[in-house]
Amino acid sequence: VRLKRYLEMRGADGGPWRRLCALPAFWVGLLYDEESLQSISDMTSDWTNEEREMLRRKVPVTGLKTPFRDGYVRDLAEEILQLSKNGLERRGYKEVGFLREVDAVISSGVTPAERLLNLYETKWQRSVDPVFQELLY
């Protein structure tokens, strides 16, 4: 997000095509639907500054496995994905299919970054060169 006189939602700059399509659809399902937007607002309204800061620091390191309140970030991700799907369905443009990639990540609990790190440590034998082939679209 870029803060201007409005919020500019940025898309991904790279990665598999299916993921590039998923990101804007995900946000549209949440932000262009009043019911989903209100649900997100209700869900996050009592989060403290400390909790938000903890999520900002820890999620890039521990991903969906980050503990949060009585569960994990993965639990939140499942709820938020469902809100996005519902918002897209209410739009009536049959966009929900774009969220398959997000659904697969949340279902597996393994983020794309974790998957790439695992490849780096195992199959790629600590070389970054294969990442360019891996992320072609």
N, C-alpha and C. Protein backbone atom coordinates (compact mmCIF):
# COMPACT_ATOMS: atom_id res chain seq x y z
N VAL A 1 0.85 -1.18 0.00
CA VAL A 1 0.00 0.00 0.00
C VAL A 1 0.89 1.23 0.00
N ARG A 2 0.53 2.18 -0.84
CA ARG A 2 1.19 3.49 -0.81
C ARG A 2 0.19 4.50 -0.28
N LEU A 3 0.62 5.33 0.63
CA LEU A 3 -0.23 6.36 1.18
C LEU A 3 -0.01 7.64 0.38
N LYS A 4 -1.04 8.07 -0.31
CA LYS A 4 -1.03 9.34 -1.05
C LYS A 4 -2.19 10.14 -0.49
N ARG A 5 -2.97 10.75 -1.33
CA ARG A 5 -4.21 11.35 -0.85
C ARG A 5 -5.28 10.27 -0.77
N TYR A 6 -4.88 9.06 -1.10
CA TYR A 6 -5.71 7.87 -1.06
C TYR A 6 -4.77 6.70 -0.82
N LEU A 7 -5.30 5.53 -0.57
CA LEU A 7 -4.47 4.34 -0.42
C LEU A 7 -4.33 3.69 -1.79
N GLU A 8 -3.13 3.52 -2.25
CA GLU A 8 -2.88 2.86 -3.53
C GLU A 8 -2.49 1.41 -3.24
N MET A 9 -3.33 0.48 -3.66
CA MET A 9 -3.04 -0.93 -3.46
C MET A 9 -2.13 -1.37 -4.60
N ARG A 10 -0.96 -1.86 -4.26
CA ARG A 10 0.00 -2.31 -5.26
C ARG A 10 -0.14 -3.80 -5.47
N GLY A 11 0.10 -4.23 -6.68
CA GLY A 11 0.11 -5.65 -6.99
C GLY A 11 1.50 -6.22 -6.79
N ALA A 12 1.63 -7.51 -6.99
CA ALA A 12 2.94 -8.16 -6.91
C ALA A 12 3.74 -7.83 -8.16
N ASP A 13 5.04 -7.78 -8.03
CA ASP A 13 5.91 -7.47 -9.15
C ASP A 13 6.50 -8.71 -9.79
N GLY A 14 6.30 -9.86 -9.22
CA GLY A 14 6.87 -11.07 -9.78
C GLY A 14 6.26 -12.30 -9.16
N GLY A 15 6.60 -13.43 -9.73
CA GLY A 15 6.09 -14.69 -9.23
C GLY A 15 5.21 -15.35 -10.26
N PRO A 16 4.70 -16.53 -9.94
CA PRO A 16 3.85 -17.25 -10.88
C PRO A 16 2.58 -16.47 -11.22
N TRP A 17 2.13 -16.63 -12.44
CA TRP A 17 0.96 -15.90 -12.93
C TRP A 17 -0.25 -16.09 -12.02
N ARG A 18 -0.47 -17.32 -11.56
CA ARG A 18 -1.65 -17.59 -10.72
C ARG A 18 -1.60 -16.78 -9.43
N ARG A 19 -0.42 -16.48 -8.94
CA ARG A 19 -0.30 -15.67 -7.72
C ARG A 19 -0.50 -14.19 -8.03
N LEU A 20 -0.04 -13.77 -9.19
CA LEU A 20 -0.23 -12.37 -9.58
C LEU A 20 -1.71 -12.03 -9.71
N CYS A 21 -2.50 -12.98 -10.17
CA CYS A 21 -3.95 -12.76 -10.31
C CYS A 21 -4.67 -12.85 -8.97
N ALA A 22 -4.12 -13.62 -8.06
CA ALA A 22 -4.77 -13.83 -6.76
C ALA A 22 -4.77 -12.58 -5.90
N LEU A 23 -3.66 -11.86 -5.91
CA LEU A 23 -3.52 -10.72 -5.00
C LEU A 23 -4.58 -9.64 -5.21
N PRO A 24 -4.78 -9.14 -6.44
CA PRO A 24 -5.82 -8.12 -6.60
C PRO A 24 -7.21 -8.65 -6.31
N ALA A 25 -7.49 -9.90 -6.69
CA ALA A 25 -8.82 -10.47 -6.42
C ALA A 25 -9.07 -10.54 -4.92
N PHE A 26 -8.05 -10.93 -4.18
CA PHE A 26 -8.17 -11.02 -2.73
C PHE A 26 -8.60 -9.67 -2.14
N TRP A 27 -7.88 -8.60 -2.54
CA TRP A 27 -8.20 -7.28 -2.02
C TRP A 27 -9.56 -6.79 -2.48
N VAL A 28 -9.93 -7.07 -3.72
CA VAL A 28 -11.24 -6.66 -4.23
C VAL A 28 -12.34 -7.30 -3.40
N GLY A 29 -12.19 -8.58 -3.09
CA GLY A 29 -13.19 -9.28 -2.29
C GLY A 29 -13.38 -8.69 -0.91
N LEU A 30 -12.32 -8.12 -0.37
CA LEU A 30 -12.40 -7.51 0.96
C LEU A 30 -12.83 -6.05 0.92
N LEU A 31 -12.26 -5.29 0.01
CA LEU A 31 -12.41 -3.84 0.06
C LEU A 31 -13.54 -3.28 -0.80
N TYR A 32 -14.03 -4.05 -1.77
CA TYR A 32 -15.09 -3.55 -2.64
C TYR A 32 -16.45 -4.08 -2.24
N ASP A 33 -16.51 -4.75 -1.13
CA ASP A 33 -17.76 -5.31 -0.63
C ASP A 33 -17.98 -4.79 0.79
N GLU A 34 -19.06 -4.07 0.98
CA GLU A 34 -19.32 -3.43 2.28
C GLU A 34 -19.40 -4.43 3.43
N GLU A 35 -20.02 -5.59 3.19
CA GLU A 35 -20.15 -6.58 4.26
C GLU A 35 -18.79 -7.15 4.67
N SER A 36 -17.96 -7.49 3.70
CA SER A 36 -16.62 -8.00 4.01
C SER A 36 -15.78 -6.92 4.68
N LEU A 37 -15.86 -5.71 4.17
CA LEU A 37 -15.10 -4.60 4.74
C LEU A 37 -15.50 -4.36 6.19
N GLN A 38 -16.80 -4.40 6.48
CA GLN A 38 -17.26 -4.21 7.85
C GLN A 38 -16.80 -5.36 8.74
N SER A 39 -16.80 -6.57 8.20
CA SER A 39 -16.35 -7.74 8.98
C SER A 39 -14.88 -7.62 9.34
N ILE A 40 -14.07 -7.16 8.39
CA ILE A 40 -12.64 -6.96 8.67
C ILE A 40 -12.46 -5.88 9.72
N SER A 41 -13.21 -4.82 9.59
CA SER A 41 -13.14 -3.73 10.57
C SER A 41 -13.51 -4.24 11.96
N ASP A 42 -14.58 -5.01 12.04
CA ASP A 42 -15.00 -5.57 13.33
C ASP A 42 -13.94 -6.52 13.89
N MET A 43 -13.35 -7.33 13.02
CA MET A 43 -12.36 -8.32 13.44
C MET A 43 -11.13 -7.65 14.04
N THR A 44 -10.71 -6.54 13.48
CA THR A 44 -9.45 -5.92 13.88
C THR A 44 -9.60 -4.72 14.81
N SER A 45 -10.82 -4.33 15.09
CA SER A 45 -11.04 -3.09 15.84
C SER A 45 -10.44 -3.10 17.25
N ASP A 46 -10.33 -4.27 17.86
CA ASP A 46 -9.79 -4.30 19.23
C ASP A 46 -8.34 -4.76 19.29
N TRP A 47 -7.69 -4.88 18.13
CA TRP A 47 -6.27 -5.22 18.15
C TRP A 47 -5.49 -4.04 18.71
N THR A 48 -4.58 -4.32 19.60
CA THR A 48 -3.80 -3.25 20.21
C THR A 48 -2.62 -2.88 19.30
N ASN A 49 -2.04 -1.73 19.57
CA ASN A 49 -0.84 -1.33 18.83
C ASN A 49 0.28 -2.35 19.02
N GLU A 50 0.38 -2.90 20.22
CA GLU A 50 1.41 -3.89 20.50
C GLU A 50 1.19 -5.16 19.67
N GLU A 51 -0.06 -5.57 19.55
CA GLU A 51 -0.36 -6.76 18.75
C GLU A 51 -0.04 -6.51 17.27
N ARG A 52 -0.42 -5.36 16.76
CA ARG A 52 -0.12 -5.04 15.36
C ARG A 52 1.38 -4.98 15.12
N GLU A 53 2.11 -4.41 16.05
CA GLU A 53 3.56 -4.33 15.92
C GLU A 53 4.19 -5.72 15.99
N MET A 54 3.68 -6.57 16.87
CA MET A 54 4.17 -7.94 16.96
C MET A 54 3.93 -8.67 15.64
N LEU A 55 2.76 -8.53 15.06
CA LEU A 55 2.47 -9.16 13.77
C LEU A 55 3.39 -8.63 12.68
N ARG A 56 3.64 -7.34 12.67
CA ARG A 56 4.52 -6.73 11.67
C ARG A 56 5.93 -7.31 11.76
N ARG A 57 6.40 -7.55 12.99
CA ARG A 57 7.75 -8.07 13.18
C ARG A 57 7.84 -9.58 12.96
N LYS A 58 6.86 -10.33 13.44
CA LYS A 58 6.99 -11.78 13.47
C LYS A 58 6.48 -12.50 12.22
N VAL A 59 5.43 -12.01 11.60
CA VAL A 59 4.87 -12.72 10.44
C VAL A 59 5.88 -12.89 9.32
N PRO A 60 6.74 -11.89 9.02
CA PRO A 60 7.74 -12.14 7.98
C PRO A 60 8.72 -13.27 8.32
N VAL A 61 8.82 -13.60 9.58
CA VAL A 61 9.76 -14.64 10.02
C VAL A 61 9.06 -15.99 10.18
N THR A 62 7.91 -16.01 10.83
CA THR A 62 7.25 -17.27 11.15
C THR A 62 5.97 -17.51 10.35
N GLY A 63 5.62 -16.59 9.47
CA GLY A 63 4.50 -16.79 8.55
C GLY A 63 3.19 -17.13 9.22
N LEU A 64 2.50 -18.10 8.63
CA LEU A 64 1.19 -18.51 9.12
C LEU A 64 1.25 -19.22 10.47
N LYS A 65 2.45 -19.58 10.89
CA LYS A 65 2.64 -20.27 12.18
C LYS A 65 2.79 -19.29 13.35
N THR A 66 2.69 -18.02 13.08
CA THR A 66 2.83 -17.00 14.12
C THR A 66 1.67 -17.10 15.11
N PRO A 67 1.97 -17.30 16.40
CA PRO A 67 0.89 -17.31 17.39
C PRO A 67 0.23 -15.93 17.49
N PHE A 68 -1.10 -15.95 17.61
CA PHE A 68 -1.84 -14.69 17.79
C PHE A 68 -3.08 -14.99 18.61
N ARG A 69 -3.17 -14.33 19.73
CA ARG A 69 -4.28 -14.51 20.67
C ARG A 69 -4.47 -16.00 20.97
N ASP A 70 -5.63 -16.56 20.68
CA ASP A 70 -5.89 -17.96 21.04
C ASP A 70 -5.62 -18.93 19.89
N GLY A 71 -4.89 -18.48 18.88
CA GLY A 71 -4.63 -19.35 17.73
C GLY A 71 -3.36 -18.92 17.02
N TYR A 72 -3.43 -18.96 15.72
CA TYR A 72 -2.29 -18.64 14.87
C TYR A 72 -2.75 -17.72 13.74
N VAL A 73 -1.80 -17.09 13.10
CA VAL A 73 -2.11 -16.23 11.96
C VAL A 73 -2.82 -17.04 10.87
N ARG A 74 -2.50 -18.31 10.78
CA ARG A 74 -3.19 -19.16 9.79
C ARG A 74 -4.70 -19.16 10.02
N ASP A 75 -5.12 -19.17 11.28
CA ASP A 75 -6.55 -19.12 11.60
C ASP A 75 -7.17 -17.82 11.10
N LEU A 76 -6.47 -16.72 11.33
CA LEU A 76 -6.94 -15.43 10.82
C LEU A 76 -7.01 -15.44 9.29
N ALA A 77 -5.97 -15.99 8.68
CA ALA A 77 -5.91 -16.03 7.22
C ALA A 77 -7.10 -16.81 6.65
N GLU A 78 -7.47 -17.90 7.29
CA GLU A 78 -8.63 -18.68 6.83
C GLU A 78 -9.90 -17.84 6.90
N GLU A 79 -10.08 -17.13 8.00
CA GLU A 79 -11.26 -16.28 8.16
C GLU A 79 -11.29 -15.16 7.12
N ILE A 80 -10.16 -14.53 6.94
CA ILE A 80 -10.07 -13.40 6.01
C ILE A 80 -10.25 -13.88 4.57
N LEU A 81 -9.69 -15.02 4.23
CA LEU A 81 -9.89 -15.58 2.89
C LEU A 81 -11.37 -15.83 2.64
N GLN A 82 -12.06 -16.37 3.62
CA GLN A 82 -13.49 -16.63 3.46
C GLN A 82 -14.26 -15.32 3.26
N LEU A 83 -13.87 -14.28 3.99
CA LEU A 83 -14.52 -12.98 3.79
C LEU A 83 -14.29 -12.47 2.37
N SER A 84 -13.08 -12.65 1.87
CA SER A 84 -12.77 -12.22 0.51
C SER A 84 -13.59 -13.02 -0.51
N LYS A 85 -13.65 -14.33 -0.32
CA LYS A 85 -14.45 -15.17 -1.22
C LYS A 85 -15.91 -14.73 -1.22
N ASN A 86 -16.44 -14.50 -0.02
CA ASN A 86 -17.83 -14.06 0.08
C ASN A 86 -18.06 -12.74 -0.65
N GLY A 87 -17.11 -11.81 -0.46
CA GLY A 87 -17.22 -10.52 -1.13
C GLY A 87 -17.18 -10.66 -2.64
N LEU A 88 -16.30 -11.51 -3.14
CA LEU A 88 -16.23 -11.73 -4.59
C LEU A 88 -17.50 -12.39 -5.10
N GLU A 89 -18.03 -13.35 -4.36
CA GLU A 89 -19.27 -14.01 -4.79
C GLU A 89 -20.42 -13.02 -4.86
N ARG A 90 -20.50 -12.10 -3.91
CA ARG A 90 -21.57 -11.11 -3.93
C ARG A 90 -21.46 -10.16 -5.12
N ARG A 91 -20.23 -9.97 -5.63
CA ARG A 91 -20.05 -9.13 -6.82
C ARG A 91 -20.65 -9.78 -8.07
N GLY A 92 -20.66 -11.11 -8.08
CA GLY A 92 -21.29 -11.83 -9.18
C GLY A 92 -20.49 -11.94 -10.46
N TYR A 93 -19.16 -11.73 -10.40
CA TYR A 93 -18.34 -11.80 -11.60
C TYR A 93 -17.53 -13.09 -11.72
N LYS A 94 -17.81 -14.06 -10.88
CA LYS A 94 -17.12 -15.36 -10.91
C LYS A 94 -15.61 -15.21 -10.78
N GLU A 95 -15.18 -14.40 -9.82
CA GLU A 95 -13.75 -14.13 -9.59
C GLU A 95 -13.12 -15.03 -8.53
N VAL A 96 -13.92 -15.81 -7.84
CA VAL A 96 -13.42 -16.59 -6.70
C VAL A 96 -12.31 -17.54 -7.12
N GLY A 97 -12.34 -18.04 -8.33
CA GLY A 97 -11.32 -18.95 -8.81
C GLY A 97 -9.91 -18.39 -8.74
N PHE A 98 -9.80 -17.07 -8.80
CA PHE A 98 -8.48 -16.44 -8.70
C PHE A 98 -7.84 -16.66 -7.33
N LEU A 99 -8.65 -17.02 -6.34
CA LEU A 99 -8.14 -17.19 -4.98
C LEU A 99 -7.64 -18.61 -4.70
N ARG A 100 -7.63 -19.48 -5.70
CA ARG A 100 -7.16 -20.86 -5.48
C ARG A 100 -5.74 -20.89 -4.92
N GLU A 101 -4.89 -20.03 -5.44
CA GLU A 101 -3.49 -20.01 -4.98
C GLU A 101 -3.41 -19.62 -3.50
N VAL A 102 -4.17 -18.62 -3.10
CA VAL A 102 -4.19 -18.19 -1.70
C VAL A 102 -4.75 -19.32 -0.84
N ASP A 103 -5.81 -19.93 -1.31
CA ASP A 103 -6.43 -21.04 -0.59
C ASP A 103 -5.43 -22.19 -0.40
N ALA A 104 -4.66 -22.51 -1.44
CA ALA A 104 -3.68 -23.59 -1.35
C ALA A 104 -2.59 -23.28 -0.32
N VAL A 105 -2.15 -22.04 -0.29
CA VAL A 105 -1.11 -21.65 0.67
C VAL A 105 -1.65 -21.77 2.10
N ILE A 106 -2.83 -21.23 2.32
CA ILE A 106 -3.40 -21.26 3.67
C ILE A 106 -3.71 -22.70 4.09
N SER A 107 -4.25 -23.49 3.18
CA SER A 107 -4.56 -24.89 3.50
C SER A 107 -3.31 -25.68 3.88
N SER A 108 -2.23 -25.45 3.15
CA SER A 108 -0.99 -26.18 3.43
C SER A 108 -0.27 -25.63 4.65
N GLY A 109 -0.48 -24.36 4.94
CA GLY A 109 0.24 -23.72 6.05
C GLY A 109 1.67 -23.35 5.68
N VAL A 110 2.05 -23.55 4.43
CA VAL A 110 3.41 -23.26 3.97
C VAL A 110 3.35 -22.08 3.00
N THR A 111 4.03 -21.01 3.35
CA THR A 111 4.04 -19.83 2.49
C THR A 111 4.97 -20.03 1.30
N PRO A 112 4.78 -19.25 0.25
CA PRO A 112 5.71 -19.32 -0.88
C PRO A 112 7.16 -19.08 -0.46
N ALA A 113 7.37 -18.17 0.45
CA ALA A 113 8.74 -17.90 0.93
C ALA A 113 9.32 -19.12 1.63
N GLU A 114 8.53 -19.79 2.46
CA GLU A 114 9.01 -21.01 3.13
C GLU A 114 9.32 -22.11 2.12
N ARG A 115 8.50 -22.21 1.10
CA ARG A 115 8.74 -23.20 0.05
C ARG A 115 10.05 -22.93 -0.67
N LEU A 116 10.30 -21.67 -1.02
CA LEU A 116 11.54 -21.30 -1.69
C LEU A 116 12.75 -21.52 -0.78
N LEU A 117 12.63 -21.19 0.49
CA LEU A 117 13.73 -21.42 1.43
C LEU A 117 14.05 -22.90 1.55
N ASN A 118 13.02 -23.72 1.55
CA ASN A 118 13.24 -25.17 1.61
C ASN A 118 13.97 -25.65 0.35
N LEU A 119 13.56 -25.18 -0.82
CA LEU A 119 14.25 -25.54 -2.06
C LEU A 119 15.71 -25.08 -2.02
N TYR A 120 15.93 -23.88 -1.52
CA TYR A 120 17.28 -23.33 -1.41
C TYR A 120 18.17 -24.24 -0.55
N GLU A 121 17.64 -24.68 0.57
CA GLU A 121 18.42 -25.50 1.51
C GLU A 121 18.58 -26.94 1.04
N THR A 122 17.67 -27.43 0.20
CA THR A 122 17.71 -28.85 -0.19
C THR A 122 18.08 -29.01 -1.67
N LYS A 123 17.10 -29.01 -2.51
CA LYS A 123 17.28 -29.29 -3.94
C LYS A 123 18.29 -28.35 -4.62
N TRP A 124 18.27 -27.08 -4.27
CA TRP A 124 19.14 -26.10 -4.93
C TRP A 124 20.53 -26.04 -4.31
N GLN A 125 20.74 -26.76 -3.23
CA GLN A 125 22.04 -26.83 -2.55
C GLN A 125 22.62 -25.44 -2.26
N ARG A 126 21.77 -24.60 -1.69
CA ARG A 126 22.14 -23.25 -1.24
C ARG A 126 22.58 -22.32 -2.38
N SER A 127 22.01 -22.52 -3.55
CA SER A 127 22.25 -21.63 -4.70
C SER A 127 20.98 -20.83 -4.98
N VAL A 128 21.13 -19.56 -5.26
CA VAL A 128 19.96 -18.74 -5.60
C VAL A 128 19.64 -18.77 -7.09
N ASP A 129 20.54 -19.26 -7.89
CA ASP A 129 20.34 -19.25 -9.35
C ASP A 129 19.03 -19.90 -9.80
N PRO A 130 18.63 -21.05 -9.24
CA PRO A 130 17.39 -21.68 -9.70
C PRO A 130 16.12 -20.86 -9.43
N VAL A 131 16.18 -19.89 -8.55
CA VAL A 131 14.97 -19.12 -8.23
C VAL A 131 14.43 -18.39 -9.46
N PHE A 132 15.31 -17.99 -10.35
CA PHE A 132 14.86 -17.26 -11.53
C PHE A 132 14.04 -18.15 -12.45
N GLN A 133 14.43 -19.39 -12.58
CA GLN A 133 13.65 -20.34 -13.38
C GLN A 133 12.36 -20.71 -12.65
N GLU A 134 12.45 -20.89 -11.36
CA GLU A 134 11.29 -21.29 -10.56
C GLU A 134 10.17 -20.25 -10.63
N LEU A 135 10.51 -18.99 -10.68
CA LEU A 135 9.49 -17.93 -10.61
C LEU A 135 9.13 -17.34 -11.97
N LEU A 136 9.57 -17.96 -13.04
CA LEU A 136 9.14 -17.51 -14.37
C LEU A 136 7.65 -17.71 -14.54
N TYR A 137 7.04 -16.84 -15.30
CA TYR A 137 5.63 -17.05 -15.64
C TYR A 137 5.40 -16.78 -17.10
